[in-house]
Amino acid sequence: MAFGFFGLRRAEGQLLLSRARQLPPPHDLPTAIVEANWRAAQDHRRVTIATDAGAMVLSALLFIAGSRVLLRPRGGGWLWRQALAANLALCVAGIAVDHMLRPGRVAALRALLTDPATRIPLPEGLHVGDVATMPFSIAILASWVAAGLLAAALVYASRERTRTFLDA
């Protein structure tokens, strides 16, 4: 249920970000990262909106399916397994979209960090090249971890013993 809830909140935030016409100028590194995400999303609006809308719907489904498993109605496990499989497939698709958008995001962040008009201070010891690539690499790695957790939950939910317990 928590995975579905946080996925729903993330997708909602990403959709709101994609729909924004303009953002305030960045003043620190986190706002510069948001600006870089926004610029890349503006260049590929259809793909990002489709992925985020799908994530919103499937995260809501996972939340509902998780609550059904928690309350354990008769035959409630099938929806949970279907929601886990759909969220896993969408997570892998989201990773592919993130890989596709990564060069644009890195270029946008690099442009923001080197622009004298923004004057964003970098953490000590880090260079523009490190800071420009690190957040997007970490996000992709976190998405792979999420996909692994979803796959593990799907394998657990598909075990015969678990299916018998939930579908009885």
N, C-alpha and C. Protein backbone atom coordinates (compact mmCIF):
# COMPACT_ATOMS: atom_id res chain seq x y z
N MET A 1 0.83 -1.18 0.00
CA MET A 1 0.00 0.00 0.00
C MET A 1 0.87 1.25 0.00
N ALA A 2 1.96 1.21 0.77
CA ALA A 2 2.85 2.37 0.84
C ALA A 2 3.51 2.62 -0.52
N PHE A 3 3.89 1.56 -1.20
CA PHE A 3 4.51 1.70 -2.51
C PHE A 3 3.54 2.39 -3.47
N GLY A 4 2.29 1.99 -3.44
CA GLY A 4 1.28 2.61 -4.28
C GLY A 4 1.02 4.06 -3.90
N PHE A 5 0.98 4.34 -2.61
CA PHE A 5 0.72 5.71 -2.14
C PHE A 5 1.84 6.65 -2.56
N PHE A 6 3.09 6.25 -2.33
CA PHE A 6 4.20 7.13 -2.69
C PHE A 6 4.36 7.24 -4.21
N GLY A 7 4.05 6.17 -4.94
CA GLY A 7 4.06 6.25 -6.39
C GLY A 7 3.01 7.21 -6.91
N LEU A 8 1.86 7.21 -6.27
CA LEU A 8 0.79 8.13 -6.64
C LEU A 8 1.19 9.57 -6.38
N ARG A 9 1.79 9.83 -5.24
CA ARG A 9 2.24 11.19 -4.91
C ARG A 9 3.34 11.66 -5.86
N ARG A 10 4.27 10.79 -6.19
CA ARG A 10 5.35 11.15 -7.11
C ARG A 10 4.81 11.45 -8.50
N ALA A 11 3.90 10.61 -8.99
CA ALA A 11 3.33 10.81 -10.32
C ALA A 11 2.52 12.11 -10.36
N GLU A 12 1.82 12.41 -9.29
CA GLU A 12 1.05 13.65 -9.24
C GLU A 12 1.98 14.86 -9.31
N GLY A 13 3.07 14.82 -8.57
CA GLY A 13 4.05 15.90 -8.60
C GLY A 13 4.68 16.07 -9.97
N GLN A 14 5.01 14.95 -10.61
CA GLN A 14 5.61 15.01 -11.94
C GLN A 14 4.63 15.56 -12.97
N LEU A 15 3.35 15.19 -12.86
CA LEU A 15 2.35 15.72 -13.78
C LEU A 15 2.16 17.22 -13.59
N LEU A 16 2.14 17.66 -12.34
CA LEU A 16 2.03 19.10 -12.08
C LEU A 16 3.25 19.84 -12.62
N LEU A 17 4.43 19.25 -12.48
CA LEU A 17 5.64 19.86 -13.01
C LEU A 17 5.60 19.93 -14.53
N SER A 18 5.13 18.88 -15.17
CA SER A 18 5.06 18.85 -16.64
C SER A 18 4.08 19.89 -17.18
N ARG A 19 3.03 20.14 -16.43
CA ARG A 19 2.01 21.08 -16.89
C ARG A 19 2.36 22.53 -16.61
N ALA A 20 3.35 22.79 -15.79
CA ALA A 20 3.72 24.17 -15.46
C ALA A 20 4.21 24.90 -16.69
N ARG A 21 3.76 26.11 -16.88
CA ARG A 21 4.18 26.91 -18.03
C ARG A 21 5.57 27.49 -17.83
N GLN A 22 5.88 27.85 -16.59
CA GLN A 22 7.18 28.45 -16.30
C GLN A 22 7.49 28.22 -14.82
N LEU A 23 8.75 28.10 -14.52
CA LEU A 23 9.20 27.92 -13.15
C LEU A 23 9.96 29.17 -12.70
N PRO A 24 9.96 29.43 -11.41
CA PRO A 24 10.78 30.55 -10.94
C PRO A 24 12.26 30.22 -11.17
N PRO A 25 13.09 31.24 -11.30
CA PRO A 25 14.51 30.96 -11.54
C PRO A 25 15.12 30.17 -10.37
N PRO A 26 15.96 29.21 -10.68
CA PRO A 26 16.56 28.40 -9.60
C PRO A 26 17.53 29.23 -8.77
N HIS A 27 17.56 28.94 -7.47
CA HIS A 27 18.45 29.66 -6.56
C HIS A 27 19.41 28.74 -5.82
N ASP A 28 19.17 27.43 -5.91
CA ASP A 28 20.09 26.47 -5.30
C ASP A 28 20.07 25.19 -6.13
N LEU A 29 20.87 24.22 -5.70
CA LEU A 29 21.02 23.00 -6.49
C LEU A 29 19.71 22.20 -6.63
N PRO A 30 18.93 21.99 -5.56
CA PRO A 30 17.68 21.24 -5.75
C PRO A 30 16.70 21.90 -6.73
N THR A 31 16.59 23.22 -6.68
CA THR A 31 15.68 23.88 -7.63
C THR A 31 16.25 23.85 -9.04
N ALA A 32 17.57 23.81 -9.18
CA ALA A 32 18.17 23.67 -10.50
C ALA A 32 17.90 22.28 -11.08
N ILE A 33 17.90 21.27 -10.24
CA ILE A 33 17.59 19.91 -10.69
C ILE A 33 16.13 19.83 -11.14
N VAL A 34 15.24 20.45 -10.39
CA VAL A 34 13.82 20.49 -10.78
C VAL A 34 13.67 21.22 -12.12
N GLU A 35 14.38 22.32 -12.27
CA GLU A 35 14.33 23.07 -13.53
C GLU A 35 14.84 22.22 -14.70
N ALA A 36 15.91 21.47 -14.49
CA ALA A 36 16.44 20.61 -15.55
C ALA A 36 15.44 19.51 -15.91
N ASN A 37 14.79 18.92 -14.90
CA ASN A 37 13.73 17.94 -15.17
C ASN A 37 12.60 18.56 -15.96
N TRP A 38 12.21 19.78 -15.59
CA TRP A 38 11.12 20.47 -16.26
C TRP A 38 11.47 20.74 -17.72
N ARG A 39 12.70 21.21 -17.97
CA ARG A 39 13.11 21.50 -19.35
C ARG A 39 13.10 20.24 -20.21
N ALA A 40 13.58 19.14 -19.66
CA ALA A 40 13.57 17.88 -20.42
C ALA A 40 12.14 17.39 -20.64
N ALA A 41 11.28 17.59 -19.65
CA ALA A 41 9.88 17.18 -19.80
C ALA A 41 9.18 18.03 -20.85
N GLN A 42 9.54 19.30 -20.96
CA GLN A 42 8.92 20.16 -21.97
C GLN A 42 9.31 19.72 -23.38
N ASP A 43 10.52 19.20 -23.52
CA ASP A 43 10.97 18.74 -24.84
C ASP A 43 10.30 17.43 -25.25
N HIS A 44 9.86 16.65 -24.29
CA HIS A 44 9.24 15.33 -24.55
C HIS A 44 7.94 15.21 -23.75
N ARG A 45 7.04 16.13 -23.95
CA ARG A 45 5.82 16.20 -23.14
C ARG A 45 4.95 14.94 -23.23
N ARG A 46 4.74 14.45 -24.42
CA ARG A 46 3.83 13.30 -24.58
C ARG A 46 4.34 12.07 -23.84
N VAL A 47 5.62 11.81 -23.96
CA VAL A 47 6.19 10.62 -23.32
C VAL A 47 6.14 10.76 -21.80
N THR A 48 6.53 11.92 -21.29
CA THR A 48 6.56 12.08 -19.83
C THR A 48 5.15 12.09 -19.25
N ILE A 49 4.22 12.75 -19.92
CA ILE A 49 2.85 12.79 -19.39
C ILE A 49 2.22 11.40 -19.46
N ALA A 50 2.46 10.66 -20.53
CA ALA A 50 1.91 9.31 -20.63
C ALA A 50 2.47 8.40 -19.53
N THR A 51 3.77 8.49 -19.30
CA THR A 51 4.38 7.66 -18.27
C THR A 51 3.87 8.03 -16.89
N ASP A 52 3.78 9.33 -16.61
CA ASP A 52 3.32 9.76 -15.29
C ASP A 52 1.83 9.50 -15.07
N ALA A 53 1.02 9.66 -16.12
CA ALA A 53 -0.40 9.35 -15.98
C ALA A 53 -0.61 7.85 -15.75
N GLY A 54 0.15 7.04 -16.47
CA GLY A 54 0.08 5.59 -16.23
C GLY A 54 0.53 5.23 -14.84
N ALA A 55 1.59 5.88 -14.37
CA ALA A 55 2.06 5.62 -13.01
C ALA A 55 1.02 6.02 -11.98
N MET A 56 0.29 7.10 -12.24
CA MET A 56 -0.74 7.54 -11.30
C MET A 56 -1.87 6.51 -11.21
N VAL A 57 -2.32 6.05 -12.35
CA VAL A 57 -3.42 5.08 -12.37
C VAL A 57 -2.99 3.75 -11.76
N LEU A 58 -1.82 3.27 -12.15
CA LEU A 58 -1.39 1.97 -11.64
C LEU A 58 -0.97 2.03 -10.18
N SER A 59 -0.49 3.15 -9.71
CA SER A 59 -0.17 3.29 -8.28
C SER A 59 -1.45 3.29 -7.45
N ALA A 60 -2.49 3.95 -7.97
CA ALA A 60 -3.79 3.91 -7.28
C ALA A 60 -4.32 2.47 -7.24
N LEU A 61 -4.15 1.75 -8.34
CA LEU A 61 -4.58 0.35 -8.38
C LEU A 61 -3.80 -0.49 -7.37
N LEU A 62 -2.50 -0.25 -7.28
CA LEU A 62 -1.68 -0.99 -6.32
C LEU A 62 -2.10 -0.68 -4.89
N PHE A 63 -2.43 0.57 -4.61
CA PHE A 63 -2.90 0.94 -3.27
C PHE A 63 -4.21 0.23 -2.94
N ILE A 64 -5.13 0.23 -3.89
CA ILE A 64 -6.42 -0.44 -3.66
C ILE A 64 -6.21 -1.94 -3.51
N ALA A 65 -5.39 -2.52 -4.36
CA ALA A 65 -5.14 -3.97 -4.29
C ALA A 65 -4.45 -4.33 -2.97
N GLY A 66 -3.51 -3.49 -2.52
CA GLY A 66 -2.85 -3.74 -1.24
C GLY A 66 -3.82 -3.67 -0.08
N SER A 67 -4.76 -2.74 -0.14
CA SER A 67 -5.74 -2.65 0.94
C SER A 67 -6.68 -3.86 0.92
N ARG A 68 -6.97 -4.37 -0.27
CA ARG A 68 -7.80 -5.58 -0.34
C ARG A 68 -7.07 -6.78 0.27
N VAL A 69 -5.77 -6.87 0.04
CA VAL A 69 -5.00 -7.96 0.62
C VAL A 69 -4.94 -7.81 2.13
N LEU A 70 -4.80 -6.57 2.59
CA LEU A 70 -4.74 -6.31 4.03
C LEU A 70 -6.06 -6.69 4.70
N LEU A 71 -7.17 -6.37 4.07
CA LEU A 71 -8.49 -6.70 4.64
C LEU A 71 -8.89 -8.14 4.36
N ARG A 72 -8.22 -8.76 3.42
CA ARG A 72 -8.34 -10.17 3.06
C ARG A 72 -9.76 -10.64 2.72
N PRO A 73 -10.38 -9.99 1.72
CA PRO A 73 -11.66 -10.54 1.27
C PRO A 73 -11.43 -11.80 0.45
N ARG A 74 -12.48 -12.54 0.25
CA ARG A 74 -12.37 -13.79 -0.51
C ARG A 74 -11.90 -13.49 -1.94
N GLY A 75 -10.84 -14.16 -2.38
CA GLY A 75 -10.32 -14.00 -3.74
C GLY A 75 -9.65 -12.66 -3.99
N GLY A 76 -9.09 -12.04 -2.97
CA GLY A 76 -8.51 -10.71 -3.12
C GLY A 76 -7.09 -10.68 -3.64
N GLY A 77 -6.43 -11.82 -3.75
CA GLY A 77 -5.03 -11.82 -4.15
C GLY A 77 -4.79 -11.61 -5.63
N TRP A 78 -5.77 -11.93 -6.47
CA TRP A 78 -5.55 -11.82 -7.92
C TRP A 78 -5.33 -10.38 -8.33
N LEU A 79 -6.07 -9.42 -7.72
CA LEU A 79 -5.89 -8.02 -8.08
C LEU A 79 -4.52 -7.52 -7.66
N TRP A 80 -4.04 -7.98 -6.51
CA TRP A 80 -2.72 -7.59 -6.02
C TRP A 80 -1.63 -8.07 -6.98
N ARG A 81 -1.74 -9.31 -7.44
CA ARG A 81 -0.75 -9.85 -8.38
C ARG A 81 -0.78 -9.08 -9.70
N GLN A 82 -1.98 -8.77 -10.18
CA GLN A 82 -2.09 -8.02 -11.43
C GLN A 82 -1.53 -6.61 -11.27
N ALA A 83 -1.80 -5.97 -10.15
CA ALA A 83 -1.29 -4.61 -9.89
C ALA A 83 0.23 -4.62 -9.77
N LEU A 84 0.78 -5.64 -9.11
CA LEU A 84 2.23 -5.73 -9.00
C LEU A 84 2.88 -5.92 -10.37
N ALA A 85 2.30 -6.79 -11.19
CA ALA A 85 2.85 -7.03 -12.53
C ALA A 85 2.77 -5.77 -13.39
N ALA A 86 1.65 -5.07 -13.33
CA ALA A 86 1.49 -3.84 -14.13
C ALA A 86 2.44 -2.75 -13.66
N ASN A 87 2.60 -2.61 -12.34
CA ASN A 87 3.53 -1.60 -11.82
C ASN A 87 4.97 -1.95 -12.15
N LEU A 88 5.31 -3.22 -12.14
CA LEU A 88 6.65 -3.63 -12.53
C LEU A 88 6.92 -3.29 -14.00
N ALA A 89 5.97 -3.59 -14.86
CA ALA A 89 6.13 -3.27 -16.28
C ALA A 89 6.25 -1.76 -16.49
N LEU A 90 5.45 -0.98 -15.77
CA LEU A 90 5.53 0.47 -15.91
C LEU A 90 6.82 1.02 -15.32
N CYS A 91 7.32 0.41 -14.28
CA CYS A 91 8.59 0.84 -13.68
C CYS A 91 9.74 0.64 -14.68
N VAL A 92 9.74 -0.48 -15.36
CA VAL A 92 10.77 -0.73 -16.38
C VAL A 92 10.61 0.25 -17.54
N ALA A 93 9.39 0.55 -17.93
CA ALA A 93 9.16 1.55 -18.98
C ALA A 93 9.63 2.93 -18.51
N GLY A 94 9.40 3.24 -17.24
CA GLY A 94 9.87 4.52 -16.69
C GLY A 94 11.38 4.61 -16.68
N ILE A 95 12.04 3.50 -16.43
CA ILE A 95 13.51 3.48 -16.48
C ILE A 95 13.98 3.76 -17.90
N ALA A 96 13.31 3.17 -18.87
CA ALA A 96 13.67 3.42 -20.27
C ALA A 96 13.47 4.89 -20.63
N VAL A 97 12.39 5.50 -20.15
CA VAL A 97 12.15 6.92 -20.41
C VAL A 97 13.21 7.77 -19.71
N ASP A 98 13.55 7.41 -18.48
CA ASP A 98 14.60 8.16 -17.77
C ASP A 98 15.94 8.08 -18.49
N HIS A 99 16.27 6.90 -19.03
CA HIS A 99 17.50 6.76 -19.82
C HIS A 99 17.44 7.64 -21.07
N MET A 100 16.27 7.70 -21.69
CA MET A 100 16.12 8.51 -22.89
C MET A 100 16.25 10.00 -22.58
N LEU A 101 15.71 10.43 -21.44
CA LEU A 101 15.72 11.85 -21.09
C LEU A 101 17.00 12.28 -20.37
N ARG A 102 17.81 11.35 -19.94
CA ARG A 102 19.00 11.67 -19.15
C ARG A 102 19.94 12.65 -19.85
N PRO A 103 20.29 12.47 -21.14
CA PRO A 103 21.19 13.45 -21.77
C PRO A 103 20.61 14.87 -21.79
N GLY A 104 19.32 15.01 -22.04
CA GLY A 104 18.71 16.33 -22.03
C GLY A 104 18.69 16.95 -20.65
N ARG A 105 18.45 16.14 -19.64
CA ARG A 105 18.46 16.64 -18.27
C ARG A 105 19.85 17.07 -17.85
N VAL A 106 20.84 16.27 -18.20
CA VAL A 106 22.22 16.61 -17.85
C VAL A 106 22.64 17.90 -18.55
N ALA A 107 22.30 18.03 -19.82
CA ALA A 107 22.65 19.24 -20.56
C ALA A 107 21.96 20.47 -19.98
N ALA A 108 20.69 20.32 -19.60
CA ALA A 108 19.96 21.45 -19.02
C ALA A 108 20.56 21.84 -17.66
N LEU A 109 20.90 20.87 -16.84
CA LEU A 109 21.49 21.18 -15.54
C LEU A 109 22.87 21.79 -15.70
N ARG A 110 23.63 21.26 -16.63
CA ARG A 110 24.97 21.83 -16.89
C ARG A 110 24.84 23.28 -17.35
N ALA A 111 23.86 23.58 -18.20
CA ALA A 111 23.65 24.95 -18.67
C ALA A 111 23.24 25.86 -17.51
N LEU A 112 22.40 25.36 -16.63
CA LEU A 112 21.99 26.17 -15.47
C LEU A 112 23.15 26.44 -14.52
N LEU A 113 23.99 25.43 -14.31
CA LEU A 113 25.09 25.58 -13.37
C LEU A 113 26.20 26.48 -13.90
N THR A 114 26.36 26.53 -15.21
CA THR A 114 27.42 27.35 -15.79
C THR A 114 26.95 28.74 -16.20
N ASP A 115 25.66 28.99 -16.12
CA ASP A 115 25.11 30.29 -16.49
C ASP A 115 25.45 31.31 -15.40
N PRO A 116 26.14 32.40 -15.75
CA PRO A 116 26.49 33.39 -14.72
C PRO A 116 25.28 34.11 -14.14
N ALA A 117 24.14 34.10 -14.84
CA ALA A 117 22.95 34.78 -14.32
C ALA A 117 22.34 34.05 -13.13
N THR A 118 22.47 32.74 -13.08
CA THR A 118 21.85 31.99 -11.97
C THR A 118 22.76 31.95 -10.74
N ARG A 119 24.06 31.82 -10.93
CA ARG A 119 25.03 31.79 -9.83
C ARG A 119 24.63 30.82 -8.71
N ILE A 120 24.55 29.57 -9.07
CA ILE A 120 24.19 28.54 -8.10
C ILE A 120 25.47 28.00 -7.47
N PRO A 121 25.60 28.12 -6.15
CA PRO A 121 26.82 27.62 -5.51
C PRO A 121 26.80 26.09 -5.46
N LEU A 122 27.93 25.49 -5.75
CA LEU A 122 28.07 24.04 -5.72
C LEU A 122 28.66 23.62 -4.38
N PRO A 123 28.33 22.40 -3.94
CA PRO A 123 28.96 21.89 -2.73
C PRO A 123 30.48 21.82 -2.91
N GLU A 124 31.19 22.06 -1.85
CA GLU A 124 32.65 22.10 -1.93
C GLU A 124 33.21 20.76 -2.38
N GLY A 125 34.15 20.82 -3.30
CA GLY A 125 34.82 19.62 -3.80
C GLY A 125 34.15 18.99 -5.01
N LEU A 126 33.00 19.49 -5.42
CA LEU A 126 32.31 18.92 -6.58
C LEU A 126 32.43 19.86 -7.77
N HIS A 127 32.53 19.25 -8.94
CA HIS A 127 32.63 20.01 -10.18
C HIS A 127 31.30 19.95 -10.92
N VAL A 128 31.14 20.82 -11.89
CA VAL A 128 29.89 20.89 -12.65
C VAL A 128 29.58 19.55 -13.31
N GLY A 129 30.58 18.88 -13.86
CA GLY A 129 30.35 17.59 -14.51
C GLY A 129 29.83 16.53 -13.55
N ASP A 130 30.37 16.50 -12.34
CA ASP A 130 29.90 15.54 -11.33
C ASP A 130 28.47 15.84 -10.91
N VAL A 131 28.21 17.11 -10.63
CA VAL A 131 26.90 17.51 -10.13
C VAL A 131 25.83 17.36 -11.21
N ALA A 132 26.21 17.55 -12.46
CA ALA A 132 25.23 17.46 -13.55
C ALA A 132 24.77 16.03 -13.81
N THR A 133 25.63 15.06 -13.62
CA THR A 133 25.26 13.68 -13.93
C THR A 133 24.77 12.89 -12.71
N MET A 134 25.23 13.24 -11.53
CA MET A 134 24.95 12.45 -10.34
C MET A 134 23.46 12.31 -10.00
N PRO A 135 22.65 13.39 -9.95
CA PRO A 135 21.26 13.21 -9.53
C PRO A 135 20.45 12.30 -10.44
N PHE A 136 20.72 12.36 -11.73
CA PHE A 136 19.95 11.57 -12.68
C PHE A 136 20.40 10.11 -12.68
N SER A 137 21.68 9.87 -12.41
CA SER A 137 22.17 8.50 -12.27
C SER A 137 21.61 7.85 -11.01
N ILE A 138 21.54 8.62 -9.94
CA ILE A 138 20.98 8.11 -8.68
C ILE A 138 19.49 7.80 -8.85
N ALA A 139 18.77 8.65 -9.59
CA ALA A 139 17.35 8.41 -9.81
C ALA A 139 17.12 7.12 -10.60
N ILE A 140 17.95 6.88 -11.59
CA ILE A 140 17.81 5.65 -12.38
C ILE A 140 18.14 4.43 -11.52
N LEU A 141 19.18 4.54 -10.70
CA LEU A 141 19.52 3.45 -9.78
C LEU A 141 18.39 3.18 -8.80
N ALA A 142 17.79 4.23 -8.27
CA ALA A 142 16.66 4.06 -7.35
C ALA A 142 15.47 3.40 -8.05
N SER A 143 15.27 3.71 -9.32
CA SER A 143 14.19 3.08 -10.08
C SER A 143 14.46 1.59 -10.27
N TRP A 144 15.72 1.22 -10.48
CA TRP A 144 16.06 -0.21 -10.59
C TRP A 144 15.82 -0.92 -9.26
N VAL A 145 16.12 -0.26 -8.15
CA VAL A 145 15.86 -0.85 -6.83
C VAL A 145 14.36 -1.05 -6.65
N ALA A 146 13.57 -0.04 -7.04
CA ALA A 146 12.11 -0.17 -6.95
C ALA A 146 11.60 -1.31 -7.82
N ALA A 147 12.15 -1.45 -9.01
CA ALA A 147 11.75 -2.56 -9.89
C ALA A 147 12.10 -3.91 -9.25
N GLY A 148 13.25 -3.98 -8.60
CA GLY A 148 13.63 -5.21 -7.90
C GLY A 148 12.68 -5.53 -6.76
N LEU A 149 12.27 -4.51 -6.01
CA LEU A 149 11.32 -4.73 -4.92
C LEU A 149 9.96 -5.18 -5.44
N LEU A 150 9.52 -4.57 -6.53
CA LEU A 150 8.26 -4.99 -7.12
C LEU A 150 8.35 -6.42 -7.65
N ALA A 151 9.47 -6.77 -8.26
CA ALA A 151 9.65 -8.14 -8.75
C ALA A 151 9.65 -9.14 -7.60
N ALA A 152 10.32 -8.78 -6.51
CA ALA A 152 10.35 -9.68 -5.34
C ALA A 152 8.94 -9.84 -4.76
N ALA A 153 8.19 -8.75 -4.68
CA ALA A 153 6.82 -8.85 -4.17
C ALA A 153 5.94 -9.68 -5.10
N LEU A 154 6.16 -9.55 -6.41
CA LEU A 154 5.38 -10.34 -7.36
C LEU A 154 5.71 -11.82 -7.25
N VAL A 155 6.98 -12.14 -7.08
CA VAL A 155 7.37 -13.54 -6.90
C VAL A 155 6.75 -14.09 -5.62
N TYR A 156 6.78 -13.30 -4.55
CA TYR A 156 6.17 -13.74 -3.28
C TYR A 156 4.66 -13.92 -3.45
N ALA A 157 4.01 -12.98 -4.12
CA ALA A 157 2.55 -13.06 -4.29
C ALA A 157 2.15 -14.20 -5.20
N SER A 158 3.05 -14.66 -6.06
CA SER A 158 2.73 -15.72 -7.01
C SER A 158 3.03 -17.12 -6.48
N ARG A 159 3.66 -17.20 -5.30
CA ARG A 159 3.93 -18.52 -4.73
C ARG A 159 2.62 -19.24 -4.46
N GLU A 160 2.64 -20.54 -4.60
CA GLU A 160 1.42 -21.34 -4.41
C GLU A 160 0.84 -21.17 -3.00
N ARG A 161 1.71 -21.18 -2.02
CA ARG A 161 1.26 -21.05 -0.63
C ARG A 161 0.59 -19.69 -0.38
N THR A 162 1.17 -18.63 -0.93
CA THR A 162 0.60 -17.30 -0.77
C THR A 162 -0.72 -17.18 -1.53
N ARG A 163 -0.75 -17.72 -2.73
CA ARG A 163 -1.99 -17.67 -3.51
C ARG A 163 -3.11 -18.43 -2.81
N THR A 164 -2.80 -19.57 -2.24
CA THR A 164 -3.80 -20.34 -1.53
C THR A 164 -4.33 -19.56 -0.33
N PHE A 165 -3.44 -18.92 0.41
CA PHE A 165 -3.84 -18.15 1.59
C PHE A 165 -4.70 -16.94 1.22
N LEU A 166 -4.31 -16.21 0.17
CA LEU A 166 -5.02 -14.98 -0.18
C LEU A 166 -6.30 -15.23 -0.97
N ASP A 167 -6.33 -16.27 -1.76
CA ASP A 167 -7.48 -16.51 -2.60
C ASP A 167 -8.52 -17.43 -1.97
N ALA A 168 -8.26 -17.90 -0.76
CA ALA A 168 -9.20 -18.82 -0.10
C ALA A 168 -10.47 -18.11 0.33
